[in-house]
N, C-alpha and C. Protein backbone atom coordinates (compact mmCIF):
# COMPACT_ATOMS: atom_id res chain seq x y z
N MET A 1 76.74 50.29 -100.53
CA MET A 1 75.31 50.19 -100.74
C MET A 1 75.19 49.42 -99.70
N GLN A 2 73.85 49.94 -98.83
CA GLN A 2 73.11 49.16 -97.96
C GLN A 2 72.51 47.89 -99.18
N ASP A 3 72.73 46.73 -98.21
CA ASP A 3 71.91 45.56 -98.55
C ASP A 3 70.20 45.83 -97.98
N ALA A 4 69.61 45.37 -99.17
CA ALA A 4 68.09 45.58 -98.97
C ALA A 4 67.57 44.48 -97.97
N SER A 5 68.71 43.27 -97.64
CA SER A 5 67.58 42.52 -96.38
C SER A 5 68.35 43.39 -94.82
N ARG A 6 69.04 44.22 -94.79
CA ARG A 6 69.29 44.83 -93.80
C ARG A 6 68.72 46.39 -93.68
N GLU A 7 68.50 46.58 -92.35
CA GLU A 7 68.09 47.97 -91.75
C GLU A 7 68.53 48.41 -91.06
N ALA A 8 70.02 49.16 -91.34
CA ALA A 8 70.14 49.84 -89.85
C ALA A 8 69.14 51.14 -89.42
N LEU A 9 68.92 50.74 -87.73
CA LEU A 9 68.03 52.05 -87.25
C LEU A 9 69.43 53.25 -86.89
N PRO A 10 68.60 54.66 -87.33
CA PRO A 10 69.19 55.45 -86.48
C PRO A 10 69.77 55.16 -84.96
N TYR A 11 70.62 55.78 -84.95
CA TYR A 11 71.38 55.65 -83.65
C TYR A 11 70.32 56.50 -82.46
N GLU A 12 69.77 58.01 -82.94
CA GLU A 12 68.59 58.09 -81.79
C GLU A 12 67.81 57.28 -81.42
N VAL A 13 67.38 56.32 -82.12
CA VAL A 13 66.10 55.24 -82.22
C VAL A 13 67.10 54.26 -81.45
N ILE A 14 68.14 53.71 -81.30
CA ILE A 14 68.69 52.60 -80.62
C ILE A 14 68.92 53.16 -79.40
N SER A 15 69.37 54.21 -79.07
CA SER A 15 70.09 54.88 -77.94
C SER A 15 68.71 54.98 -77.15
N GLN A 16 67.55 55.53 -77.54
CA GLN A 16 66.34 55.71 -76.81
C GLN A 16 66.00 54.00 -76.14
N PHE A 17 65.87 52.96 -77.24
CA PHE A 17 65.68 51.83 -76.88
C PHE A 17 66.58 50.74 -75.82
N ALA A 18 67.69 51.33 -75.89
CA ALA A 18 69.02 50.76 -75.21
C ALA A 18 68.66 51.92 -73.48
N GLN A 19 68.36 52.77 -73.16
CA GLN A 19 68.10 53.20 -72.28
C GLN A 19 66.38 52.71 -72.08
N ALA A 20 65.65 52.48 -72.94
CA ALA A 20 64.54 51.81 -71.83
C ALA A 20 64.66 50.41 -71.56
N ALA A 21 65.65 49.51 -72.37
CA ALA A 21 65.93 48.25 -71.61
C ALA A 21 66.86 48.15 -70.65
N GLY A 22 67.48 49.33 -69.82
CA GLY A 22 68.08 49.04 -68.82
C GLY A 22 69.68 49.21 -69.25
N ALA A 23 70.36 49.93 -70.06
CA ALA A 23 71.58 49.91 -70.56
C ALA A 23 72.07 51.16 -69.40
N VAL A 24 73.93 50.68 -69.27
CA VAL A 24 74.31 51.52 -68.37
C VAL A 24 74.72 52.75 -69.11
N GLU A 25 75.52 52.36 -70.73
CA GLU A 25 75.67 53.57 -71.34
C GLU A 25 75.84 53.14 -72.52
N CYS A 26 75.40 54.45 -73.75
CA CYS A 26 75.22 54.26 -75.21
C CYS A 26 76.00 55.04 -75.86
N HIS A 27 76.94 54.92 -76.51
CA HIS A 27 77.72 55.86 -77.72
C HIS A 27 77.54 55.06 -78.93
N TRP A 28 78.15 55.82 -79.98
CA TRP A 28 78.21 55.33 -81.29
C TRP A 28 79.85 55.77 -81.67
N ARG A 29 79.78 54.85 -82.94
CA ARG A 29 81.59 54.89 -82.99
C ARG A 29 81.21 54.80 -84.41
N ILE A 30 82.01 54.87 -85.09
CA ILE A 30 82.98 54.61 -86.78
C ILE A 30 83.29 53.41 -86.68
N SER A 31 82.77 52.40 -87.77
CA SER A 31 83.36 51.07 -87.58
C SER A 31 83.67 50.51 -89.21
N ASP A 32 84.55 49.96 -89.40
CA ASP A 32 84.80 49.20 -90.93
C ASP A 32 84.37 48.63 -91.11
N ARG A 33 83.65 47.64 -89.66
CA ARG A 33 83.27 46.15 -90.39
C ARG A 33 81.48 46.49 -90.40
N SER A 34 80.86 47.08 -90.19
CA SER A 34 79.75 47.47 -90.23
C SER A 34 79.35 47.58 -91.22
N PHE A 35 78.10 47.59 -91.99
CA PHE A 35 77.46 47.52 -93.14
C PHE A 35 77.11 48.70 -93.31
N SER A 36 76.74 49.85 -92.05
CA SER A 36 76.51 50.90 -92.03
C SER A 36 77.18 51.71 -92.43
N GLY A 37 78.44 51.49 -91.60
CA GLY A 37 79.71 52.45 -91.51
C GLY A 37 79.70 53.29 -89.93
N TYR A 38 78.90 52.69 -89.34
CA TYR A 38 78.76 52.92 -87.44
C TYR A 38 78.28 52.10 -87.01
N VAL A 39 78.35 52.21 -85.70
CA VAL A 39 78.02 51.33 -84.61
C VAL A 39 77.31 51.68 -83.86
N ALA A 40 76.32 51.36 -82.86
CA ALA A 40 76.11 51.76 -81.32
C ALA A 40 76.25 50.73 -80.33
N GLU A 41 77.38 51.45 -79.85
CA GLU A 41 77.99 50.33 -78.48
C GLU A 41 77.32 50.66 -77.37
N VAL A 42 75.84 49.75 -76.98
CA VAL A 42 75.52 49.85 -75.90
C VAL A 42 76.06 48.84 -74.77
N TRP A 43 76.02 49.30 -73.40
CA TRP A 43 76.55 48.65 -72.59
C TRP A 43 75.42 48.23 -71.53
N PHE A 44 75.74 46.89 -70.98
CA PHE A 44 75.31 46.32 -69.83
C PHE A 44 75.80 45.82 -68.80
N GLY A 45 75.18 45.94 -67.73
CA GLY A 45 76.08 44.90 -66.56
C GLY A 45 75.59 43.57 -66.26
N ASP A 46 74.56 43.20 -67.24
CA ASP A 46 73.99 41.55 -67.17
C ASP A 46 73.45 41.17 -68.20
N LEU A 47 74.18 40.00 -68.40
CA LEU A 47 74.58 38.91 -69.54
C LEU A 47 73.02 38.92 -70.17
N LYS A 48 72.29 38.57 -69.27
CA LYS A 48 70.91 38.36 -69.75
C LYS A 48 69.86 39.72 -70.30
N MET A 49 70.35 40.66 -70.20
CA MET A 49 69.50 41.96 -70.50
C MET A 49 70.18 42.16 -72.02
N ALA A 50 71.67 41.85 -71.95
CA ALA A 50 72.25 42.29 -73.00
C ALA A 50 71.84 41.56 -74.32
N ALA A 51 71.92 40.10 -74.02
CA ALA A 51 71.55 39.13 -74.68
C ALA A 51 70.02 39.18 -75.55
N GLU A 52 69.46 39.99 -74.63
CA GLU A 52 67.66 40.20 -75.03
C GLU A 52 68.13 41.48 -75.86
N PHE A 53 68.70 42.20 -75.70
CA PHE A 53 68.76 43.74 -76.63
C PHE A 53 69.43 43.19 -77.82
N ALA A 54 70.19 42.29 -77.78
CA ALA A 54 71.15 42.09 -79.17
C ALA A 54 70.16 41.01 -79.86
N ARG A 55 68.94 40.47 -79.25
CA ARG A 55 68.02 39.60 -79.96
C ARG A 55 67.34 40.47 -80.55
N VAL A 56 66.82 41.11 -79.84
CA VAL A 56 65.65 42.14 -80.27
C VAL A 56 66.13 43.13 -81.65
N CYS A 57 67.24 43.46 -81.52
CA CYS A 57 68.03 44.40 -82.44
C CYS A 57 68.23 43.59 -83.72
N SER A 58 68.63 42.31 -83.66
CA SER A 58 69.02 41.27 -84.67
C SER A 58 67.94 41.20 -85.69
N ASP A 59 66.89 40.67 -84.89
CA ASP A 59 65.39 40.62 -85.39
C ASP A 59 64.84 41.56 -86.34
N ARG A 60 65.24 43.04 -85.93
CA ARG A 60 64.67 44.06 -85.87
C ARG A 60 65.67 44.25 -87.81
N MET A 61 67.00 44.18 -87.63
CA MET A 61 67.47 44.41 -88.63
C MET A 61 68.17 43.50 -89.20
N GLY A 62 67.95 42.28 -88.94
CA GLY A 62 68.03 41.67 -89.84
C GLY A 62 69.85 41.09 -89.98
N VAL A 63 70.63 41.74 -89.12
CA VAL A 63 71.85 40.80 -88.36
C VAL A 63 72.31 40.81 -87.34
N ILE A 64 73.09 39.94 -87.19
CA ILE A 64 73.84 39.67 -85.99
C ILE A 64 74.49 40.82 -84.79
N CYS A 65 73.89 41.08 -84.02
CA CYS A 65 74.26 42.35 -82.76
C CYS A 65 75.12 41.57 -81.77
N LYS A 66 76.36 41.54 -81.80
CA LYS A 66 77.22 40.61 -81.02
C LYS A 66 77.46 41.16 -80.09
N ILE A 67 77.64 40.53 -78.88
CA ILE A 67 78.10 40.83 -77.40
C ILE A 67 79.23 40.36 -76.95
N ARG A 68 79.96 41.38 -76.19
CA ARG A 68 81.10 40.84 -76.10
C ARG A 68 81.24 41.30 -74.23
N ALA A 69 82.19 40.66 -73.54
CA ALA A 69 82.75 40.87 -72.45
C ALA A 69 83.91 41.46 -71.93
N THR A 70 83.69 42.35 -71.41
CA THR A 70 85.13 42.95 -71.06
C THR A 70 85.22 43.62 -69.66
N SER A 71 86.44 43.43 -69.82
CA SER A 71 86.55 44.51 -68.11
C SER A 71 87.11 45.82 -68.01
N ASP A 72 87.27 46.58 -69.65
CA ASP A 72 87.12 47.81 -69.72
C ASP A 72 86.15 48.25 -69.88
N GLY A 73 85.41 49.68 -69.60
CA GLY A 73 84.38 50.13 -69.97
C GLY A 73 83.72 50.45 -69.01
N PRO A 74 82.41 50.68 -69.02
CA PRO A 74 81.73 51.34 -68.10
C PRO A 74 80.48 50.10 -67.39
N ALA A 75 80.52 49.03 -68.08
CA ALA A 75 79.73 47.65 -67.66
C ALA A 75 80.64 46.46 -68.14
N LYS A 76 79.78 45.52 -67.80
CA LYS A 76 80.59 44.04 -68.53
C LYS A 76 80.62 43.78 -69.43
N PHE A 77 79.28 43.89 -70.06
CA PHE A 77 78.73 43.85 -71.37
C PHE A 77 78.64 44.55 -72.41
N TYR A 78 79.13 44.30 -73.57
CA TYR A 78 78.57 45.19 -74.55
C TYR A 78 78.02 45.10 -75.84
N VAL A 79 76.82 45.73 -76.66
CA VAL A 79 76.45 44.91 -77.42
C VAL A 79 76.53 45.91 -78.63
N SER A 80 77.31 45.82 -79.84
CA SER A 80 77.37 46.72 -81.05
C SER A 80 76.40 46.14 -82.20
N VAL A 81 75.54 47.62 -82.47
CA VAL A 81 74.52 47.42 -83.14
C VAL A 81 74.76 48.26 -84.54
N PRO A 82 74.72 47.56 -85.43
CA PRO A 82 75.14 48.93 -86.59
C PRO A 82 74.07 49.92 -86.75
N CYS A 83 74.62 51.14 -86.80
CA CYS A 83 73.12 52.63 -86.63
C CYS A 83 73.38 53.70 -87.56
N LEU A 84 72.39 53.93 -88.30
CA LEU A 84 73.04 55.80 -89.10
C LEU A 84 73.25 56.82 -88.27
């Protein structure tokens, strides 16, 4: 059951926002850590853009959206966003 203080957005909404925010790539996956059961992984080549995206998503949903740096994948940074 979803916590009332959190509201996961549909993947399609996150994907459209990611594209408008300059994301390199966005895809969803099943997550056993997310309260919604799924996350959108949104990839950015720039840390500042990733941080701003994570801040807006976190404010909207009431959860912390994590930013990770990686050498694997389509870009250097990705943000994990709980989604439906």
